[in-house]
């Protein structure tokens, strides 16, 4: 596994740490963040698939060229995308 650094608001880190400690659902902060990223990717991909089916798009490359991913991320209120 590769290591990456990212910037996270201290408030969110405290919430993650409290959840990990209190409920024990995750073994670490990193484990929680990996799972959160996986879940978000699944949500965005599902939204993209639904939208592509609705619009009759069958080629992911075509959708990417048209800014489809950016639009889908806005629709699911993806933080950092305006």
C-alpha atoms as a PDB file:
ATOM      1  CA  UNK A   1       0.000   0.000   0.000  1.00  0.00           C
ATOM      2  CA  UNK A   2       1.268   3.457  -0.852  1.00  0.00           C
ATOM      3  CA  UNK A   3       1.314   6.356   1.614  1.00  0.00           C
ATOM      4  CA  UNK A   4      -0.231   9.737   0.713  1.00  0.00           C
ATOM      5  CA  UNK A   5      -0.591  12.903   2.702  1.00  0.00           C
ATOM      6  CA  UNK A   6      -3.693  15.042   2.629  1.00  0.00           C
ATOM      7  CA  UNK A   7      -5.091  18.060   4.368  1.00  0.00           C
ATOM      8  CA  UNK A   8      -8.078  17.472   6.653  1.00  0.00           C
ATOM      9  CA  UNK A   9      -9.774  19.925   8.969  1.00  0.00           C
ATOM     10  CA  UNK A  10      -8.780  19.278  12.604  1.00  0.00           C
ATOM     11  CA  UNK A  11     -12.479  19.063  13.557  1.00  0.00           C
ATOM     12  CA  UNK A  12     -12.968  16.140  11.166  1.00  0.00           C
ATOM     13  CA  UNK A  13      -9.870  14.362  12.468  1.00  0.00           C
ATOM     14  CA  UNK A  14     -11.214  14.645  16.016  1.00  0.00           C
ATOM     15  CA  UNK A  15     -14.572  13.223  14.929  1.00  0.00           C
ATOM     16  CA  UNK A  16     -12.913  10.331  13.111  1.00  0.00           C
ATOM     17  CA  UNK A  17     -10.641   9.561  16.058  1.00  0.00           C
ATOM     18  CA  UNK A  18     -13.564   9.654  18.500  1.00  0.00           C
ATOM     19  CA  UNK A  19     -15.596   7.307  16.300  1.00  0.00           C
ATOM     20  CA  UNK A  20     -12.693   4.879  15.929  1.00  0.00           C
ATOM     21  CA  UNK A  21     -12.011   4.894  19.670  1.00  0.00           C
ATOM     22  CA  UNK A  22     -15.615   4.793  20.899  1.00  0.00           C
ATOM     23  CA  UNK A  23     -17.167   2.289  18.508  1.00  0.00           C
ATOM     24  CA  UNK A  24     -14.187   0.256  17.316  1.00  0.00           C
ATOM     25  CA  UNK A  25     -15.685  -0.102  13.849  1.00  0.00           C
ATOM     26  CA  UNK A  26     -12.322   0.714  12.294  1.00  0.00           C
ATOM     27  CA  UNK A  27      -8.860  -0.250  13.419  1.00  0.00           C
ATOM     28  CA  UNK A  28      -7.405   3.190  12.677  1.00  0.00           C
ATOM     29  CA  UNK A  29      -8.008   6.647  11.240  1.00  0.00           C
ATOM     30  CA  UNK A  30      -6.436   5.484   7.973  1.00  0.00           C
ATOM     31  CA  UNK A  31      -8.791   2.512   7.792  1.00  0.00           C
ATOM     32  CA  UNK A  32     -11.779   4.847   8.223  1.00  0.00           C
ATOM     33  CA  UNK A  33     -10.536   7.255   5.538  1.00  0.00           C
ATOM     34  CA  UNK A  34      -9.881   4.430   3.057  1.00  0.00           C
ATOM     35  CA  UNK A  35     -13.404   3.112   3.612  1.00  0.00           C
ATOM     36  CA  UNK A  36     -14.912   6.603   3.244  1.00  0.00           C
ATOM     37  CA  UNK A  37     -13.092   7.077  -0.070  1.00  0.00           C
ATOM     38  CA  UNK A  38     -14.242   3.666  -1.322  1.00  0.00           C
ATOM     39  CA  UNK A  39     -17.854   4.432  -0.404  1.00  0.00           C
ATOM     40  CA  UNK A  40     -17.748   7.849  -2.079  1.00  0.00           C
ATOM     41  CA  UNK A  41     -16.310   6.338  -5.269  1.00  0.00           C
ATOM     42  CA  UNK A  42     -19.116   3.771  -5.296  1.00  0.00           C
ATOM     43  CA  UNK A  43     -21.733   6.538  -4.895  1.00  0.00           C
ATOM     44  CA  UNK A  44     -20.271   8.606  -7.726  1.00  0.00           C
ATOM     45  CA  UNK A  45     -19.923   5.601 -10.050  1.00  0.00           C
ATOM     46  CA  UNK A  46     -23.550   4.583  -9.386  1.00  0.00           C
ATOM     47  CA  UNK A  47     -24.734   8.104 -10.129  1.00  0.00           C
ATOM     48  CA  UNK A  48     -22.653   8.171 -13.309  1.00  0.00           C
ATOM     49  CA  UNK A  49     -24.072   4.810 -14.412  1.00  0.00           C
ATOM     50  CA  UNK A  50     -27.646   6.000 -13.822  1.00  0.00           C
ATOM     51  CA  UNK A  51     -27.068   9.237 -15.667  1.00  0.00           C
ATOM     52  CA  UNK A  52     -25.315   7.498 -18.548  1.00  0.00           C
ATOM     53  CA  UNK A  53     -28.178   5.028 -18.885  1.00  0.00           C
ATOM     54  CA  UNK A  54     -30.701   7.855 -18.796  1.00  0.00           C
ATOM     55  CA  UNK A  55     -28.839   9.824 -21.452  1.00  0.00           C
ATOM     56  CA  UNK A  56     -27.998   6.747 -23.517  1.00  0.00           C
ATOM     57  CA  UNK A  57     -24.252   7.135 -23.100  1.00  0.00           C
ATOM     58  CA  UNK A  58     -22.314   3.929 -23.303  1.00  0.00           C
ATOM     59  CA  UNK A  59     -18.728   5.112 -23.483  1.00  0.00           C
ATOM     60  CA  UNK A  60     -17.041   6.320 -20.340  1.00  0.00           C
ATOM     61  CA  UNK A  61     -14.401   8.198 -22.364  1.00  0.00           C
ATOM     62  CA  UNK A  62     -17.103  10.227 -24.099  1.00  0.00           C
ATOM     63  CA  UNK A  63     -18.666  11.065 -20.754  1.00  0.00           C
ATOM     64  CA  UNK A  64     -15.319  12.137 -19.302  1.00  0.00           C
ATOM     65  CA  UNK A  65     -14.623  14.409 -22.279  1.00  0.00           C
ATOM     66  CA  UNK A  66     -17.936  16.170 -21.781  1.00  0.00           C
ATOM     67  CA  UNK A  67     -17.239  16.993 -18.125  1.00  0.00           C
ATOM     68  CA  UNK A  68     -19.647  14.286 -17.019  1.00  0.00           C
ATOM     69  CA  UNK A  69     -17.669  13.313 -13.918  1.00  0.00           C
ATOM     70  CA  UNK A  70     -17.487  16.895 -12.704  1.00  0.00           C
ATOM     71  CA  UNK A  71     -21.233  17.326 -13.148  1.00  0.00           C
ATOM     72  CA  UNK A  72     -21.990  14.050 -11.377  1.00  0.00           C
ATOM     73  CA  UNK A  73     -19.771  15.057  -8.472  1.00  0.00           C
ATOM     74  CA  UNK A  74     -21.612  18.358  -8.148  1.00  0.00           C
ATOM     75  CA  UNK A  75     -24.945  16.530  -8.072  1.00  0.00           C
ATOM     76  CA  UNK A  76     -23.844  14.339  -5.155  1.00  0.00           C
ATOM     77  CA  UNK A  77     -22.484  17.425  -3.376  1.00  0.00           C
ATOM     78  CA  UNK A  78     -18.882  16.263  -3.557  1.00  0.00           C
ATOM     79  CA  UNK A  79     -16.814  18.595  -1.356  1.00  0.00           C
ATOM     80  CA  UNK A  80     -14.254  20.630  -3.238  1.00  0.00           C
ATOM     81  CA  UNK A  81     -16.140  20.700  -6.539  1.00  0.00           C
ATOM     82  CA  UNK A  82     -17.979  23.887  -7.382  1.00  0.00           C
END
